[in-house]
C-alpha atoms as a PDB file:
ATOM      1  CA  GLN A   1       0.000   0.000   0.000  1.00  0.00           C
ATOM      2  CA  VAL A   2       1.311   3.421  -0.956  1.00  0.00           C
ATOM      3  CA  GLN A   3       1.425   6.153   1.650  1.00  0.00           C
ATOM      4  CA  LEU A   4       2.150   9.866   1.304  1.00  0.00           C
ATOM      5  CA  VAL A   5       3.862  11.932   3.978  1.00  0.00           C
ATOM      6  CA  GLU A   6       3.832  15.726   3.741  1.00  0.00           C
ATOM      7  CA  SER A   7       6.118  18.228   5.436  1.00  0.00           C
ATOM      8  CA  GLY A   8       6.943  21.916   5.318  1.00  0.00           C
ATOM      9  CA  GLY A   9       3.758  23.648   6.401  1.00  0.00           C
ATOM     10  CA  GLY A  10       3.692  26.331   9.043  1.00  0.00           C
ATOM     11  CA  LEU A  11       3.179  30.006   9.790  1.00  0.00           C
ATOM     12  CA  VAL A  12       4.561  32.644   7.462  1.00  0.00           C
ATOM     13  CA  GLN A  13       4.015  36.368   7.044  1.00  0.00           C
ATOM     14  CA  PRO A  14       2.448  37.778   3.885  1.00  0.00           C
ATOM     15  CA  GLY A  15       5.081  38.016   1.180  1.00  0.00           C
ATOM     16  CA  GLY A  16       7.044  35.138   2.648  1.00  0.00           C
ATOM     17  CA  SER A  17       7.887  31.720   1.263  1.00  0.00           C
ATOM     18  CA  LEU A  18       7.410  28.096   2.202  1.00  0.00           C
ATOM     19  CA  ARG A  19       8.355  24.826   0.567  1.00  0.00           C
ATOM     20  CA  LEU A  20       6.150  21.789   0.922  1.00  0.00           C
ATOM     21  CA  SER A  21       7.394  18.262   0.337  1.00  0.00           C
ATOM     22  CA  CYS A  22       5.506  15.028  -0.113  1.00  0.00           C
ATOM     23  CA  ALA A  23       7.172  11.625  -0.266  1.00  0.00           C
ATOM     24  CA  ALA A  24       5.502   8.417  -1.399  1.00  0.00           C
ATOM     25  CA  SER A  25       6.469   5.114   0.167  1.00  0.00           C
ATOM     26  CA  GLY A  26       5.416   1.536  -0.300  1.00  0.00           C
ATOM     27  CA  SER A  27       6.374  -1.421  -2.406  1.00  0.00           C
ATOM     28  CA  ASP A  28       5.925  -2.444  -6.011  1.00  0.00           C
ATOM     29  CA  PHE A  29       4.286   0.702  -7.287  1.00  0.00           C
ATOM     30  CA  SER A  30       4.709   3.403  -9.868  1.00  0.00           C
ATOM     31  CA  ILE A  31       3.384   6.938  -9.936  1.00  0.00           C
ATOM     32  CA  GLY A  32       1.695   8.953 -12.616  1.00  0.00           C
ATOM     33  CA  SER A  33       0.739  12.514 -11.814  1.00  0.00           C
ATOM     34  CA  MET A  34       1.447  14.058  -8.415  1.00  0.00           C
ATOM     35  CA  GLY A  35       0.369  17.375  -7.043  1.00  0.00           C
ATOM     36  CA  TRP A  36      -1.288  19.519  -4.460  1.00  0.00           C
ATOM     37  CA  TYR A  37      -4.791  20.523  -3.549  1.00  0.00           C
ATOM     38  CA  ARG A  38      -5.802  22.904  -0.801  1.00  0.00           C
ATOM     39  CA  GLN A  39      -8.873  23.562   1.259  1.00  0.00           C
ATOM     40  CA  ALA A  40      -9.461  26.852   2.978  1.00  0.00           C
ATOM     41  CA  PRO A  41     -11.956  27.174   5.843  1.00  0.00           C
ATOM     42  CA  GLY A  42     -15.502  27.044   4.515  1.00  0.00           C
ATOM     43  CA  LYS A  43     -14.415  26.441   0.931  1.00  0.00           C
ATOM     44  CA  PRO A  44     -14.230  23.357  -1.278  1.00  0.00           C
ATOM     45  CA  ARG A  45     -10.968  21.608  -2.002  1.00  0.00           C
ATOM     46  CA  GLU A  46      -9.252  23.048  -5.093  1.00  0.00           C
ATOM     47  CA  LEU A  47      -6.354  22.032  -7.276  1.00  0.00           C
ATOM     48  CA  VAL A  48      -3.247  24.130  -6.671  1.00  0.00           C
ATOM     49  CA  ALA A  49      -0.677  22.509  -8.926  1.00  0.00           C
ATOM     50  CA  ALA A  50       0.163  19.178 -10.522  1.00  0.00           C
ATOM     51  CA  VAL A  51       3.061  17.609 -12.385  1.00  0.00           C
ATOM     52  CA  THR A  52       3.085  14.529 -14.581  1.00  0.00           C
ATOM     53  CA  SER A  53       5.782  11.877 -14.537  1.00  0.00           C
ATOM     54  CA  GLY A  54       7.147  13.511 -17.662  1.00  0.00           C
ATOM     55  CA  GLY A  55       7.381  16.911 -16.018  1.00  0.00           C
ATOM     56  CA  SER A  56       4.387  18.718 -17.512  1.00  0.00           C
ATOM     57  CA  THR A  57       2.805  21.085 -15.026  1.00  0.00           C
ATOM     58  CA  LYS A  58      -0.462  22.904 -14.470  1.00  0.00           C
ATOM     59  CA  TYR A  59      -1.446  25.549 -11.952  1.00  0.00           C
ATOM     60  CA  ALA A  60      -4.489  27.255 -10.558  1.00  0.00           C
ATOM     61  CA  ASP A  61      -4.745  30.783 -11.931  1.00  0.00           C
ATOM     62  CA  SER A  62      -4.527  32.177  -8.412  1.00  0.00           C
ATOM     63  CA  VAL A  63      -1.001  30.808  -7.880  1.00  0.00           C
ATOM     64  CA  LYS A  64       0.561  31.172 -11.329  1.00  0.00           C
ATOM     65  CA  GLY A  65       3.829  33.059 -11.144  1.00  0.00           C
ATOM     66  CA  ARG A  66       4.101  32.554  -7.369  1.00  0.00           C
ATOM     67  CA  PHE A  67       4.089  28.774  -6.849  1.00  0.00           C
ATOM     68  CA  THR A  68       6.274  26.157  -8.521  1.00  0.00           C
ATOM     69  CA  VAL A  69       5.593  22.430  -8.481  1.00  0.00           C
ATOM     70  CA  SER A  70       8.386  19.950  -9.131  1.00  0.00           C
ATOM     71  CA  ARG A  71       9.159  16.300  -8.516  1.00  0.00           C
ATOM     72  CA  ASP A  72      12.056  13.948  -8.009  1.00  0.00           C
ATOM     73  CA  ASN A  73      11.040  10.666  -9.602  1.00  0.00           C
ATOM     74  CA  ALA A  74      13.976   8.799  -8.063  1.00  0.00           C
ATOM     75  CA  LYS A  75      12.739   9.786  -4.606  1.00  0.00           C
ATOM     76  CA  ASN A  76       9.004   9.550  -5.405  1.00  0.00           C
ATOM     77  CA  THR A  77       8.708  13.057  -4.008  1.00  0.00           C
ATOM     78  CA  VAL A  78       6.795  16.119  -5.119  1.00  0.00           C
ATOM     79  CA  TYR A  79       7.528  19.666  -3.970  1.00  0.00           C
ATOM     80  CA  LEU A  80       5.610  22.912  -3.899  1.00  0.00           C
ATOM     81  CA  GLN A  81       7.652  26.084  -3.651  1.00  0.00           C
ATOM     82  CA  MET A  82       5.358  28.887  -2.547  1.00  0.00           C
ATOM     83  CA  ASN A  83       6.579  32.470  -2.860  1.00  0.00           C
ATOM     84  CA  SER A  84       4.892  35.819  -2.311  1.00  0.00           C
ATOM     85  CA  LEU A  85       2.343  34.179  -0.053  1.00  0.00           C
ATOM     86  CA  LYS A  86      -0.930  35.968   0.550  1.00  0.00           C
ATOM     87  CA  PRO A  87      -3.467  35.659   3.363  1.00  0.00           C
ATOM     88  CA  GLU A  88      -5.820  33.958   0.902  1.00  0.00           C
ATOM     89  CA  ASP A  89      -3.274  31.134   0.531  1.00  0.00           C
ATOM     90  CA  HIS A  90      -4.086  30.116   4.090  1.00  0.00           C
ATOM     91  CA  ALA A  91      -5.387  26.535   3.855  1.00  0.00           C
ATOM     92  CA  VAL A  92      -4.690  22.891   4.525  1.00  0.00           C
ATOM     93  CA  TYR A  93      -2.585  21.607   1.646  1.00  0.00           C
ATOM     94  CA  TYR A  94      -3.037  18.006   0.548  1.00  0.00           C
ATOM     95  CA  CYS A  95      -0.614  16.044  -1.552  1.00  0.00           C
ATOM     96  CA  TYR A  96      -1.968  13.444  -3.958  1.00  0.00           C
ATOM     97  CA  ALA A  97      -0.516  10.836  -6.272  1.00  0.00           C
ATOM     98  CA  GLU A  98      -1.946   8.658  -9.017  1.00  0.00           C
ATOM     99  CA  THR A  99      -0.430   5.276  -8.266  1.00  0.00           C
ATOM    100  CA  TYR A 100      -0.278   1.909 -10.002  1.00  0.00           C
ATOM    101  CA  ALA A 101       0.455  -0.980  -7.631  1.00  0.00           C
ATOM    102  CA  PRO A 102       1.549  -2.682  -9.751  1.00  0.00           C
ATOM    103  CA  ILE A 103      -1.256  -2.301 -12.314  1.00  0.00           C
ATOM    104  CA  GLU A 104      -4.202  -1.459 -10.082  1.00  0.00           C
ATOM    105  CA  TYR A 105      -4.914   2.269 -10.218  1.00  0.00           C
ATOM    106  CA  LEU A 106      -5.385   4.067  -6.923  1.00  0.00           C
ATOM    107  CA  GLU A 107      -5.412   7.741  -6.098  1.00  0.00           C
ATOM    108  CA  VAL A 108      -3.612   8.260  -2.800  1.00  0.00           C
ATOM    109  CA  TRP A 109      -3.850  11.312  -0.540  1.00  0.00           C
ATOM    110  CA  GLY A 110      -1.671  12.635   2.230  1.00  0.00           C
ATOM    111  CA  PRO A 111      -3.126  13.712   5.604  1.00  0.00           C
ATOM    112  CA  GLY A 112      -2.633  17.394   4.862  1.00  0.00           C
ATOM    113  CA  THR A 113      -0.364  20.119   6.172  1.00  0.00           C
ATOM    114  CA  LEU A 114      -1.539  23.515   7.388  1.00  0.00           C
ATOM    115  CA  VAL A 115      -0.200  26.702   5.834  1.00  0.00           C
ATOM    116  CA  THR A 116      -1.030  29.862   7.756  1.00  0.00           C
ATOM    117  CA  VAL A 117      -0.282  33.245   6.207  1.00  0.00           C
ATOM    118  CA  SER A 118      -0.659  35.956   8.786  1.00  0.00           C
ATOM    119  CA  LEU A 119       1.127  38.867  10.429  1.00  0.00           C
END
């Protein structure tokens, strides 16, 4: 069974930066797309950024130019570099991965990490 473990959340002032990491672990699996969703209080979960195994990326309009998603396929890890953070970026950030173990498809989610943007 594949598991995702996130790290890097915390408190940051507006204009600051944070880097989130998410590592997948397990046995006999491969990964397709990986990425990040977020859920702010009282709002639905929304896609923030995603990256395919080939390196193609997509972003929510609200984070374009500020956030960068990347991955290290050798480490089964996806990153989210967040710059110029705004109060509206405050949310729980969830990592996800499309996994094949070995051929059964399963979308796996991390437990979430809180990002607080405040003075």
